[in-house]
């Protein structure tokens, strides 16, 4: 009985990266018209990344709610605020689906 073919892991990761970038491009286009399909594409992109054991690029990872895993489109289903007092400068993203607030801190460069 012949052995099953094993694919090179680098090829699988490259294919997954291409599919993820394609799906997020489609999500960006389709979200205002069809939210359910856009959230389905986000789900599929996350599954591709998990299966290939790669990280979703930071550009897109910050556009996914960390609680409900839905795509965040500013002004439609999320709110973005800039804060520069208190705990430090940060951007806060609030999802309108689950009302989770995520903070991304901004590192300031000090030049003396």
PDB file of N, CA and C in Angstrom:
ATOM      1  N   UNK A   1       0.839  -1.170   0.000  1.00  0.00           N
ATOM      2  CA  UNK A   1       0.000   0.000   0.000  1.00  0.00           C
ATOM      3  C   UNK A   1       0.897   1.250   0.000  1.00  0.00           C
ATOM      4  N   UNK A   2       0.665   2.189  -0.933  1.00  0.00           N
ATOM      5  CA  UNK A   2       1.541   3.362  -1.014  1.00  0.00           C
ATOM      6  C   UNK A   2       1.311   4.322   0.156  1.00  0.00           C
ATOM      7  N   UNK A   3       2.373   5.042   0.489  1.00  0.00           N
ATOM      8  CA  UNK A   3       2.281   6.034   1.564  1.00  0.00           C
ATOM      9  C   UNK A   3       1.514   7.256   1.070  1.00  0.00           C
ATOM     10  N   UNK A   4       0.742   7.879   1.956  1.00  0.00           N
ATOM     11  CA  UNK A   4       0.051   9.106   1.540  1.00  0.00           C
ATOM     12  C   UNK A   4       1.052  10.237   1.316  1.00  0.00           C
ATOM     13  N   UNK A   5       0.731  11.124   0.377  1.00  0.00           N
ATOM     14  CA  UNK A   5       1.610  12.239   0.077  1.00  0.00           C
ATOM     15  C   UNK A   5       1.548  13.264   1.197  1.00  0.00           C
ATOM     16  N   UNK A   6       2.711  13.774   1.563  1.00  0.00           N
ATOM     17  CA  UNK A   6       2.782  14.831   2.569  1.00  0.00           C
ATOM     18  C   UNK A   6       3.172  16.119   1.871  1.00  0.00           C
ATOM     19  N   UNK A   7       2.415  17.160   2.148  1.00  0.00           N
ATOM     20  CA  UNK A   7       2.715  18.448   1.563  1.00  0.00           C
ATOM     21  C   UNK A   7       3.750  19.170   2.418  1.00  0.00           C
ATOM     22  N   UNK A   8       4.538  19.951   1.766  1.00  0.00           N
ATOM     23  CA  UNK A   8       5.524  20.759   2.465  1.00  0.00           C
ATOM     24  C   UNK A   8       4.786  21.804   3.305  1.00  0.00           C
ATOM     25  N   UNK A   9       5.174  21.972   4.568  1.00  0.00           N
ATOM     26  CA  UNK A   9       4.479  22.899   5.459  1.00  0.00           C
ATOM     27  C   UNK A   9       4.595  24.335   4.983  1.00  0.00           C
ATOM     28  N   UNK A  10       5.701  24.667   4.346  1.00  0.00           N
ATOM     29  CA  UNK A  10       5.869  26.030   3.842  1.00  0.00           C
ATOM     30  C   UNK A  10       4.860  26.340   2.744  1.00  0.00           C
ATOM     31  N   UNK A  11       4.564  25.368   1.918  1.00  0.00           N
ATOM     32  CA  UNK A  11       3.579  25.556   0.846  1.00  0.00           C
ATOM     33  C   UNK A  11       2.194  25.760   1.451  1.00  0.00           C
ATOM     34  N   UNK A  12       1.870  24.971   2.456  1.00  0.00           N
ATOM     35  CA  UNK A  12       0.561  25.088   3.114  1.00  0.00           C
ATOM     36  C   UNK A  12       0.423  26.464   3.765  1.00  0.00           C
ATOM     37  N   UNK A  13       1.480  26.937   4.417  1.00  0.00           N
ATOM     38  CA  UNK A  13       1.432  28.252   5.064  1.00  0.00           C
ATOM     39  C   UNK A  13       1.296  29.363   4.038  1.00  0.00           C
ATOM     40  N   UNK A  14       1.971  29.239   2.904  1.00  0.00           N
ATOM     41  CA  UNK A  14       1.895  30.255   1.863  1.00  0.00           C
ATOM     42  C   UNK A  14       0.482  30.310   1.274  1.00  0.00           C
ATOM     43  N   UNK A  15      -0.115  29.153   1.032  1.00  0.00           N
ATOM     44  CA  UNK A  15      -1.481  29.099   0.512  1.00  0.00           C
ATOM     45  C   UNK A  15      -2.452  29.716   1.515  1.00  0.00           C
ATOM     46  N   UNK A  16      -2.267  29.406   2.791  1.00  0.00           N
ATOM     47  CA  UNK A  16      -3.135  29.971   3.828  1.00  0.00           C
ATOM     48  C   UNK A  16      -3.003  31.485   3.886  1.00  0.00           C
ATOM     49  N   UNK A  17      -1.793  32.009   3.777  1.00  0.00           N
ATOM     50  CA  UNK A  17      -1.597  33.464   3.783  1.00  0.00           C
ATOM     51  C   UNK A  17      -2.314  34.126   2.615  1.00  0.00           C
ATOM     52  N   UNK A  18      -2.231  33.507   1.443  1.00  0.00           N
ATOM     53  CA  UNK A  18      -2.903  34.051   0.256  1.00  0.00           C
ATOM     54  C   UNK A  18      -4.413  34.041   0.449  1.00  0.00           C
ATOM     55  N   UNK A  19      -4.945  32.947   0.963  1.00  0.00           N
ATOM     56  CA  UNK A  19      -6.391  32.842   1.186  1.00  0.00           C
ATOM     57  C   UNK A  19      -6.874  33.837   2.232  1.00  0.00           C
ATOM     58  N   UNK A  20      -6.094  34.007   3.297  1.00  0.00           N
ATOM     59  CA  UNK A  20      -6.468  34.948   4.353  1.00  0.00           C
ATOM     60  C   UNK A  20      -6.508  36.377   3.816  1.00  0.00           C
ATOM     61  N   UNK A  21      -5.482  36.766   3.080  1.00  0.00           N
ATOM     62  CA  UNK A  21      -5.459  38.128   2.535  1.00  0.00           C
ATOM     63  C   UNK A  21      -6.594  38.338   1.537  1.00  0.00           C
ATOM     64  N   UNK A  22      -6.911  37.314   0.734  1.00  0.00           N
ATOM     65  CA  UNK A  22      -8.018  37.426  -0.213  1.00  0.00           C
ATOM     66  C   UNK A  22      -9.347  37.575   0.523  1.00  0.00           C
ATOM     67  N   UNK A  23      -9.566  36.753   1.551  1.00  0.00           N
ATOM     68  CA  UNK A  23     -10.825  36.804   2.289  1.00  0.00           C
ATOM     69  C   UNK A  23     -11.009  38.141   3.009  1.00  0.00           C
ATOM     70  N   UNK A  24      -9.959  38.662   3.606  1.00  0.00           N
ATOM     71  CA  UNK A  24     -10.096  39.946   4.289  1.00  0.00           C
ATOM     72  C   UNK A  24     -10.310  41.092   3.304  1.00  0.00           C
ATOM     73  N   UNK A  25      -9.743  40.971   2.112  1.00  0.00           N
ATOM     74  CA  UNK A  25     -10.028  41.965   1.074  1.00  0.00           C
ATOM     75  C   UNK A  25     -11.498  41.952   0.690  1.00  0.00           C
ATOM     76  N   UNK A  26     -12.061  40.747   0.563  1.00  0.00           N
ATOM     77  CA  UNK A  26     -13.486  40.618   0.238  1.00  0.00           C
ATOM     78  C   UNK A  26     -14.365  41.101   1.388  1.00  0.00           C
ATOM     79  N   UNK A  27     -13.936  40.847   2.616  1.00  0.00           N
ATOM     80  CA  UNK A  27     -14.695  41.302   3.788  1.00  0.00           C
ATOM     81  C   UNK A  27     -14.797  42.822   3.775  1.00  0.00           C
ATOM     82  N   UNK A  28     -13.682  43.484   3.480  1.00  0.00           N
ATOM     83  CA  UNK A  28     -13.646  44.943   3.445  1.00  0.00           C
ATOM     84  C   UNK A  28     -14.645  45.489   2.414  1.00  0.00           C
ATOM     85  N   UNK A  29     -14.752  44.816   1.267  1.00  0.00           N
ATOM     86  CA  UNK A  29     -15.670  45.256   0.207  1.00  0.00           C
ATOM     87  C   UNK A  29     -17.132  44.997   0.548  1.00  0.00           C
ATOM     88  N   UNK A  30     -17.413  43.805   1.073  1.00  0.00           N
ATOM     89  CA  UNK A  30     -18.793  43.328   1.173  1.00  0.00           C
ATOM     90  C   UNK A  30     -19.491  43.700   2.471  1.00  0.00           C
ATOM     91  N   UNK A  31     -18.740  44.105   3.496  1.00  0.00           N
ATOM     92  CA  UNK A  31     -19.336  44.317   4.819  1.00  0.00           C
ATOM     93  C   UNK A  31     -20.519  45.285   4.830  1.00  0.00           C
ATOM     94  N   UNK A  32     -20.448  46.455   4.174  1.00  0.00           N
ATOM     95  CA  UNK A  32     -21.604  47.364   4.263  1.00  0.00           C
ATOM     96  C   UNK A  32     -22.903  46.782   3.687  1.00  0.00           C
ATOM     97  N   UNK A  33     -22.798  45.886   2.695  1.00  0.00           N
ATOM     98  CA  UNK A  33     -24.011  45.316   2.097  1.00  0.00           C
ATOM     99  C   UNK A  33     -24.501  44.054   2.804  1.00  0.00           C
ATOM    100  N   UNK A  34     -23.562  43.179   3.194  1.00  0.00           N
ATOM    101  CA  UNK A  34     -23.958  41.881   3.729  1.00  0.00           C
ATOM    102  C   UNK A  34     -23.056  41.513   4.917  1.00  0.00           C
ATOM    103  N   UNK A  35     -23.503  41.827   6.118  1.00  0.00           N
ATOM    104  CA  UNK A  35     -22.693  41.582   7.319  1.00  0.00           C
ATOM    105  C   UNK A  35     -22.512  40.097   7.608  1.00  0.00           C
ATOM    106  N   UNK A  36     -23.555  39.303   7.380  1.00  0.00           N
ATOM    107  CA  UNK A  36     -23.457  37.873   7.687  1.00  0.00           C
ATOM    108  C   UNK A  36     -22.385  37.197   6.840  1.00  0.00           C
ATOM    109  N   UNK A  37     -22.353  37.513   5.556  1.00  0.00           N
ATOM    110  CA  UNK A  37     -21.352  36.916   4.669  1.00  0.00           C
ATOM    111  C   UNK A  37     -19.949  37.399   5.045  1.00  0.00           C
ATOM    112  N   UNK A  38     -19.825  38.653   5.408  1.00  0.00           N
ATOM    113  CA  UNK A  38     -18.526  39.187   5.818  1.00  0.00           C
ATOM    114  C   UNK A  38     -18.039  38.506   7.095  1.00  0.00           C
ATOM    115  N   UNK A  39     -18.923  38.273   8.045  1.00  0.00           N
ATOM    116  CA  UNK A  39     -18.531  37.578   9.277  1.00  0.00           C
ATOM    117  C   UNK A  39     -18.188  36.117   9.004  1.00  0.00           C
ATOM    118  N   UNK A  40     -18.837  35.515   8.022  1.00  0.00           N
ATOM    119  CA  UNK A  40     -18.504  34.146   7.618  1.00  0.00           C
ATOM    120  C   UNK A  40     -17.093  34.101   7.015  1.00  0.00           C
ATOM    121  N   UNK A  41     -16.759  35.076   6.178  1.00  0.00           N
ATOM    122  CA  UNK A  41     -15.421  35.153   5.604  1.00  0.00           C
ATOM    123  C   UNK A  41     -14.370  35.344   6.701  1.00  0.00           C
ATOM    124  N   UNK A  42     -14.691  36.137   7.710  1.00  0.00           N
ATOM    125  CA  UNK A  42     -13.775  36.334   8.828  1.00  0.00           C
ATOM    126  C   UNK A  42     -13.561  35.023   9.576  1.00  0.00           C
ATOM    127  N   UNK A  43     -14.647  34.285   9.784  1.00  0.00           N
ATOM    128  CA  UNK A  43     -14.562  32.981  10.446  1.00  0.00           C
ATOM    129  C   UNK A  43     -13.664  32.033   9.650  1.00  0.00           C
ATOM    130  N   UNK A  44     -13.846  32.000   8.322  1.00  0.00           N
ATOM    131  CA  UNK A  44     -13.042  31.114   7.478  1.00  0.00           C
ATOM    132  C   UNK A  44     -11.564  31.511   7.510  1.00  0.00           C
ATOM    133  N   UNK A  45     -11.296  32.807   7.476  1.00  0.00           N
ATOM    134  CA  UNK A  45      -9.903  33.266   7.514  1.00  0.00           C
ATOM    135  C   UNK A  45      -9.245  32.863   8.827  1.00  0.00           C
ATOM    136  N   UNK A  46      -9.968  32.980   9.930  1.00  0.00           N
ATOM    137  CA  UNK A  46      -9.425  32.560  11.224  1.00  0.00           C
ATOM    138  C   UNK A  46      -9.151  31.060  11.244  1.00  0.00           C
ATOM    139  N   UNK A  47     -10.036  30.283  10.651  1.00  0.00           N
ATOM    140  CA  UNK A  47      -9.852  28.832  10.608  1.00  0.00           C
ATOM    141  C   UNK A  47      -8.641  28.445   9.753  1.00  0.00           C
ATOM    142  N   UNK A  48      -8.445  29.138   8.618  1.00  0.00           N
ATOM    143  CA  UNK A  48      -7.257  28.889   7.793  1.00  0.00           C
ATOM    144  C   UNK A  48      -5.989  29.155   8.593  1.00  0.00           C
ATOM    145  N   UNK A  49      -5.975  30.235   9.357  1.00  0.00           N
ATOM    146  CA  UNK A  49      -4.797  30.581  10.145  1.00  0.00           C
ATOM    147  C   UNK A  49      -4.546  29.542  11.239  1.00  0.00           C
ATOM    148  N   UNK A  50      -5.597  29.075  11.877  1.00  0.00           N
ATOM    149  CA  UNK A  50      -5.447  28.072  12.923  1.00  0.00           C
ATOM    150  C   UNK A  50      -4.967  26.747  12.349  1.00  0.00           C
ATOM    151  N   UNK A  51      -5.496  26.388  11.200  1.00  0.00           N
ATOM    152  CA  UNK A  51      -5.143  25.109  10.592  1.00  0.00           C
ATOM    153  C   UNK A  51      -3.680  25.090  10.142  1.00  0.00           C
ATOM    154  N   UNK A  52      -3.226  26.222   9.579  1.00  0.00           N
ATOM    155  CA  UNK A  52      -1.849  26.303   9.090  1.00  0.00           C
ATOM    156  C   UNK A  52      -0.866  26.736  10.176  1.00  0.00           C
ATOM    157  N   UNK A  53      -1.384  27.045  11.368  1.00  0.00           N
ATOM    158  CA  UNK A  53      -0.576  27.479  12.502  1.00  0.00           C
ATOM    159  C   UNK A  53       0.229  28.741  12.173  1.00  0.00           C
ATOM    160  N   UNK A  54      -0.480  29.724  11.631  1.00  0.00           N
ATOM    161  CA  UNK A  54       0.124  31.027  11.363  1.00  0.00           C
ATOM    162  C   UNK A  54      -0.723  32.097  12.035  1.00  0.00           C
ATOM    163  N   UNK A  55      -0.120  33.270  12.213  1.00  0.00           N
ATOM    164  CA  UNK A  55      -0.855  34.373  12.814  1.00  0.00           C
ATOM    165  C   UNK A  55      -1.516  35.206  11.731  1.00  0.00           C
ATOM    166  N   UNK A  56      -2.689  35.728  12.058  1.00  0.00           N
ATOM    167  CA  UNK A  56      -3.349  36.671  11.165  1.00  0.00           C
ATOM    168  C   UNK A  56      -2.537  37.965  11.226  1.00  0.00           C
ATOM    169  N   UNK A  57      -2.276  38.595  10.080  1.00  0.00           N
ATOM    170  CA  UNK A  57      -1.496  39.838  10.107  1.00  0.00           C
ATOM    171  C   UNK A  57      -2.123  40.874  11.042  1.00  0.00           C
ATOM    172  N   UNK A  58      -1.267  41.675  11.684  1.00  0.00           N
ATOM    173  CA  UNK A  58      -1.732  42.645  12.680  1.00  0.00           C
ATOM    174  C   UNK A  58      -2.724  43.634  12.083  1.00  0.00           C
ATOM    175  N   UNK A  59      -2.530  43.944  10.806  1.00  0.00           N
ATOM    176  CA  UNK A  59      -3.445  44.852  10.117  1.00  0.00           C
ATOM    177  C   UNK A  59      -4.883  44.361  10.206  1.00  0.00           C
ATOM    178  N   UNK A  60      -5.078  43.055  10.064  1.00  0.00           N
ATOM    179  CA  UNK A  60      -6.430  42.485  10.084  1.00  0.00           C
ATOM    180  C   UNK A  60      -6.824  42.007  11.467  1.00  0.00           C
ATOM    181  N   UNK A  61      -5.869  41.594  12.275  1.00  0.00           N
ATOM    182  CA  UNK A  61      -6.194  41.070  13.600  1.00  0.00           C
ATOM    183  C   UNK A  61      -6.832  42.128  14.495  1.00  0.00           C
ATOM    184  N   UNK A  62      -6.441  43.391  14.295  1.00  0.00           N
ATOM    185  CA  UNK A  62      -7.045  44.464  15.083  1.00  0.00           C
ATOM    186  C   UNK A  62      -8.439  44.813  14.599  1.00  0.00           C
ATOM    187  N   UNK A  63      -8.870  44.248  13.483  1.00  0.00           N
ATOM    188  CA  UNK A  63     -10.203  44.506  12.948  1.00  0.00           C
ATOM    189  C   UNK A  63     -11.179  43.394  13.317  1.00  0.00           C
ATOM    190  N   UNK A  64     -10.761  42.471  14.179  1.00  0.00           N
ATOM    191  CA  UNK A  64     -11.626  41.382  14.646  1.00  0.00           C
ATOM    192  C   UNK A  64     -11.868  41.581  16.137  1.00  0.00           C
ATOM    193  N   UNK A  65     -13.124  41.494  16.561  1.00  0.00           N
ATOM    194  CA  UNK A  65     -13.443  41.600  17.981  1.00  0.00           C
ATOM    195  C   UNK A  65     -12.866  40.380  18.700  1.00  0.00           C
ATOM    196  N   UNK A  66     -12.215  40.612  19.827  1.00  0.00           N
ATOM    197  CA  UNK A  66     -11.572  39.524  20.549  1.00  0.00           C
ATOM    198  C   UNK A  66     -12.560  38.686  21.359  1.00  0.00           C
ATOM    199  N   UNK A  67     -13.775  39.165  21.509  1.00  0.00           N
ATOM    200  CA  UNK A  67     -14.770  38.405  22.266  1.00  0.00           C
ATOM    201  C   UNK A  67     -15.720  37.654  21.334  1.00  0.00           C
ATOM    202  N   UNK A  68     -16.400  38.382  20.447  1.00  0.00           N
ATOM    203  CA  UNK A  68     -17.405  37.734  19.595  1.00  0.00           C
ATOM    204  C   UNK A  68     -16.851  37.305  18.238  1.00  0.00           C
ATOM    205  N   UNK A  69     -15.588  37.651  17.922  1.00  0.00           N
ATOM    206  CA  UNK A  69     -14.877  37.237  16.712  1.00  0.00           C
ATOM    207  C   UNK A  69     -15.516  37.747  15.422  1.00  0.00           C
ATOM    208  N   UNK A  70     -16.217  38.878  15.487  1.00  0.00           N
ATOM    209  CA  UNK A  70     -16.822  39.449  14.291  1.00  0.00           C
ATOM    210  C   UNK A  70     -15.932  40.555  13.745  1.00  0.00           C
ATOM    211  N   UNK A  71     -16.092  40.847  12.458  1.00  0.00           N
ATOM    212  CA  UNK A  71     -15.300  41.878  11.805  1.00  0.00           C
ATOM    213  C   UNK A  71     -15.759  43.248  12.279  1.00  0.00           C
ATOM    214  N   UNK A  72     -14.808  44.117  12.590  1.00  0.00           N
ATOM    215  CA  UNK A  72     -15.123  45.458  13.071  1.00  0.00           C
ATOM    216  C   UNK A  72     -14.952  46.460  11.938  1.00  0.00           C
ATOM    217  N   UNK A  73     -16.011  47.171  11.635  1.00  0.00           N
ATOM    218  CA  UNK A  73     -16.009  48.184  10.583  1.00  0.00           C
ATOM    219  C   UNK A  73     -16.305  49.516  11.260  1.00  0.00           C
ATOM    220  N   UNK A  74     -15.314  50.409  11.341  1.00  0.00           N
ATOM    221  CA  UNK A  74     -15.506  51.658  12.087  1.00  0.00           C
ATOM    222  C   UNK A  74     -16.696  52.468  11.592  1.00  0.00           C
ATOM    223  N   UNK A  75     -17.514  52.916  12.526  1.00  0.00           N
ATOM    224  CA  UNK A  75     -18.681  53.726  12.204  1.00  0.00           C
ATOM    225  C   UNK A  75     -19.934  52.921  11.983  1.00  0.00           C
ATOM    226  N   UNK A  76     -19.806  51.633  11.689  1.00  0.00           N
ATOM    227  CA  UNK A  76     -20.981  50.793  11.462  1.00  0.00           C
ATOM    228  C   UNK A  76     -21.226  49.885  12.662  1.00  0.00           C
ATOM    229  N   UNK A  77     -20.232  49.104  13.054  1.00  0.00           N
ATOM    230  CA  UNK A  77     -20.441  48.232  14.210  1.00  0.00           C
ATOM    231  C   UNK A  77     -19.336  48.363  15.259  1.00  0.00           C
ATOM    232  N   UNK A  78     -18.543  49.429  15.183  1.00  0.00           N
ATOM    233  CA  UNK A  78     -17.578  49.685  16.247  1.00  0.00           C
ATOM    234  C   UNK A  78     -17.279  51.176  16.337  1.00  0.00           C
ATOM    235  N   UNK A  79     -16.755  51.555  17.499  1.00  0.00           N
ATOM    236  CA  UNK A  79     -16.405  52.947  17.751  1.00  0.00           C
ATOM    237  C   UNK A  79     -14.916  52.997  18.092  1.00  0.00           C
ATOM    238  N   UNK A  80     -14.226  53.995  17.551  1.00  0.00           N
ATOM    239  CA  UNK A  80     -12.799  54.167  17.814  1.00  0.00           C
ATOM    240  C   UNK A  80     -12.595  55.498  18.523  1.00  0.00           C
ATOM    241  N   UNK A  81     -11.874  55.463  19.636  1.00  0.00           N
ATOM    242  CA  UNK A  81     -11.583  56.661  20.390  1.00  0.00           C
ATOM    243  C   UNK A  81     -10.081  56.723  20.677  1.00  0.00           C
ATOM    244  N   UNK A  82      -9.546  57.936  20.675  1.00  0.00           N
ATOM    245  CA  UNK A  82      -8.151  58.163  21.033  1.00  0.00           C
ATOM    246  C   UNK A  82      -8.098  58.775  22.428  1.00  0.00           C
ATOM    247  N   UNK A  83      -7.265  58.231  23.292  1.00  0.00           N
ATOM    248  CA  UNK A  83      -7.118  58.728  24.658  1.00  0.00           C
ATOM    249  C   UNK A  83      -5.648  59.053  24.906  1.00  0.00           C
ATOM    250  N   UNK A  84      -5.412  60.164  25.570  1.00  0.00           N
ATOM    251  CA  UNK A  84      -4.024  60.537  25.836  1.00  0.00           C
ATOM    252  C   UNK A  84      -3.769  60.904  27.294  1.00  0.00           C
ATOM    253  N   UNK A  85      -4.688  60.596  28.180  1.00  0.00           N
ATOM    254  CA  UNK A  85      -4.499  60.894  29.602  1.00  0.00           C
ATOM    255  C   UNK A  85      -4.656  59.617  30.418  1.00  0.00           C
ATOM    256  N   UNK A  86      -4.364  59.712  31.676  1.00  0.00           N
ATOM    257  CA  UNK A  86      -4.590  58.588  32.584  1.00  0.00           C
ATOM    258  C   UNK A  86      -3.529  57.517  32.444  1.00  0.00           C
ATOM    259  N   UNK A  87      -3.921  56.348  31.961  1.00  0.00           N
ATOM    260  CA  UNK A  87      -3.020  55.200  31.885  1.00  0.00           C
ATOM    261  C   UNK A  87      -1.983  55.330  30.768  1.00  0.00           C
ATOM    262  N   UNK A  88      -2.085  56.355  29.970  1.00  0.00           N
ATOM    263  CA  UNK A  88      -1.162  56.524  28.854  1.00  0.00           C
ATOM    264  C   UNK A  88      -1.949  56.637  27.563  1.00  0.00           C
ATOM    265  N   UNK A  89      -1.273  56.978  26.522  1.00  0.00           N
ATOM    266  CA  UNK A  89      -1.932  57.136  25.237  1.00  0.00           C
ATOM    267  C   UNK A  89      -2.355  55.773  24.699  1.00  0.00           C
ATOM    268  N   UNK A  90      -3.604  55.688  24.296  1.00  0.00           N
ATOM    269  CA  UNK A  90      -4.090  54.442  23.717  1.00  0.00           C
ATOM    270  C   UNK A  90      -5.281  54.703  22.804  1.00  0.00           C
ATOM    271  N   UNK A  91      -5.560  53.731  21.969  1.00  0.00           N
ATOM    272  CA  UNK A  91      -6.728  53.731  21.100  1.00  0.00           C
ATOM    273  C   UNK A  91      -7.689  52.709  21.679  1.00  0.00           C
ATOM    274  N   UNK A  92      -8.949  53.093  21.867  1.00  0.00           N
ATOM    275  CA  UNK A  92      -9.927  52.123  22.366  1.00  0.00           C
ATOM    276  C   UNK A  92     -10.953  51.833  21.280  1.00  0.00           C
ATOM    277  N   UNK A  93     -11.189  50.555  21.077  1.00  0.00           N
ATOM    278  CA  UNK A  93     -12.149  50.063  20.089  1.00  0.00           C
ATOM    279  C   UNK A  93     -13.302  49.426  20.844  1.00  0.00           C
ATOM    280  N   UNK A  94     -14.524  49.863  20.601  1.00  0.00           N
ATOM    281  CA  UNK A  94     -15.692  49.300  21.261  1.00  0.00           C
ATOM    282  C   UNK A  94     -16.564  48.621  20.212  1.00  0.00           C
ATOM    283  N   UNK A  95     -16.802  47.339  20.392  1.00  0.00           N
ATOM    284  CA  UNK A  95     -17.649  46.561  19.489  1.00  0.00           C
ATOM    285  C   UNK A  95     -19.103  46.788  19.879  1.00  0.00           C
ATOM    286  N   UNK A  96     -19.970  47.085  18.899  1.00  0.00           N
ATOM    287  CA  UNK A  96     -21.391  47.292  19.186  1.00  0.00           C
ATOM    288  C   UNK A  96     -22.177  45.985  19.220  1.00  0.00           C
ATOM    289  N   UNK A  97     -21.554  44.862  18.856  1.00  0.00           N
ATOM    290  CA  UNK A  97     -22.229  43.561  18.910  1.00  0.00           C
ATOM    291  C   UNK A  97     -22.226  43.022  20.348  1.00  0.00           C
ATOM    292  N   UNK A  98     -21.066  43.110  21.010  1.00  0.00           N
ATOM    293  CA  UNK A  98     -20.940  42.550  22.365  1.00  0.00           C
ATOM    294  C   UNK A  98     -20.530  43.595  23.397  1.00  0.00           C
ATOM    295  N   UNK A  99     -20.285  44.833  22.973  1.00  0.00           N
ATOM    296  CA  UNK A  99     -19.880  45.953  23.826  1.00  0.00           C
ATOM    297  C   UNK A  99     -18.575  45.704  24.580  1.00  0.00           C
ATOM    298  N   UNK A 100     -17.679  44.976  23.954  1.00  0.00           N
ATOM    299  CA  UNK A 100     -16.345  44.759  24.511  1.00  0.00           C
ATOM    300  C   UNK A 100     -15.445  45.910  24.075  1.00  0.00           C
ATOM    301  N   UNK A 101     -14.663  46.448  25.003  1.00  0.00           N
ATOM    302  CA  UNK A 101     -13.712  47.507  24.685  1.00  0.00           C
ATOM    303  C   UNK A 101     -12.307  46.919  24.697  1.00  0.00           C
ATOM    304  N   UNK A 102     -11.583  47.133  23.609  1.00  0.00           N
ATOM    305  CA  UNK A 102     -10.211  46.674  23.493  1.00  0.00           C
ATOM    306  C   UNK A 102      -9.312  47.894  23.383  1.00  0.00           C
ATOM    307  N   UNK A 103      -8.220  47.887  24.131  1.00  0.00           N
ATOM    308  CA  UNK A 103      -7.297  49.022  24.116  1.00  0.00           C
ATOM    309  C   UNK A 103      -5.982  48.618  23.480  1.00  0.00           C
ATOM    310  N   UNK A 104      -5.502  49.480  22.584  1.00  0.00           N
ATOM    311  CA  UNK A 104      -4.190  49.307  21.968  1.00  0.00           C
ATOM    312  C   UNK A 104      -3.338  50.494  22.400  1.00  0.00           C
ATOM    313  N   UNK A 105      -2.313  50.219  23.201  1.00  0.00           N
ATOM    314  CA  UNK A 105      -1.487  51.289  23.727  1.00  0.00           C
ATOM    315  C   UNK A 105      -0.492  51.764  22.681  1.00  0.00           C
ATOM    316  N   UNK A 106      -0.217  53.061  22.708  1.00  0.00           N
ATOM    317  CA  UNK A 106       0.677  53.690  21.748  1.00  0.00           C
ATOM    318  C   UNK A 106       1.997  53.969  22.447  1.00  0.00           C
ATOM    319  N   UNK A 107       3.073  53.456  21.885  1.00  0.00           N
ATOM    320  CA  UNK A 107       4.398  53.704  22.455  1.00  0.00           C
ATOM    321  C   UNK A 107       4.924  55.010  21.869  1.00  0.00           C
ATOM    322  N   UNK A 108       5.295  55.908  22.749  1.00  0.00           N
ATOM    323  CA  UNK A 108       5.812  57.196  22.319  1.00  0.00           C
ATOM    324  C   UNK A 108       7.330  57.157  22.267  1.00  0.00           C
ATOM    325  N   UNK A 109       7.894  57.759  21.229  1.00  0.00           N
ATOM    326  CA  UNK A 109       9.345  57.858  21.117  1.00  0.00           C
ATOM    327  C   UNK A 109       9.801  59.125  21.807  1.00  0.00           C
ATOM    328  N   UNK A 110      10.721  58.990  22.720  1.00  0.00           N
ATOM    329  CA  UNK A 110      11.244  60.159  23.436  1.00  0.00           C
ATOM    330  C   UNK A 110      12.579  60.558  22.820  1.00  0.00           C
ATOM    331  N   UNK A 111      12.656  61.806  22.451  1.00  0.00           N
ATOM    332  CA  UNK A 111      13.928  62.327  21.929  1.00  0.00           C
ATOM    333  C   UNK A 111      14.360  63.482  22.826  1.00  0.00           C
ATOM    334  N   UNK A 112      15.535  63.371  23.354  1.00  0.00           N
ATOM    335  CA  UNK A 112      16.058  64.399  24.246  1.00  0.00           C
ATOM    336  C   UNK A 112      17.236  65.082  23.608  1.00  0.00           C
TER     337      UNK A 112
END
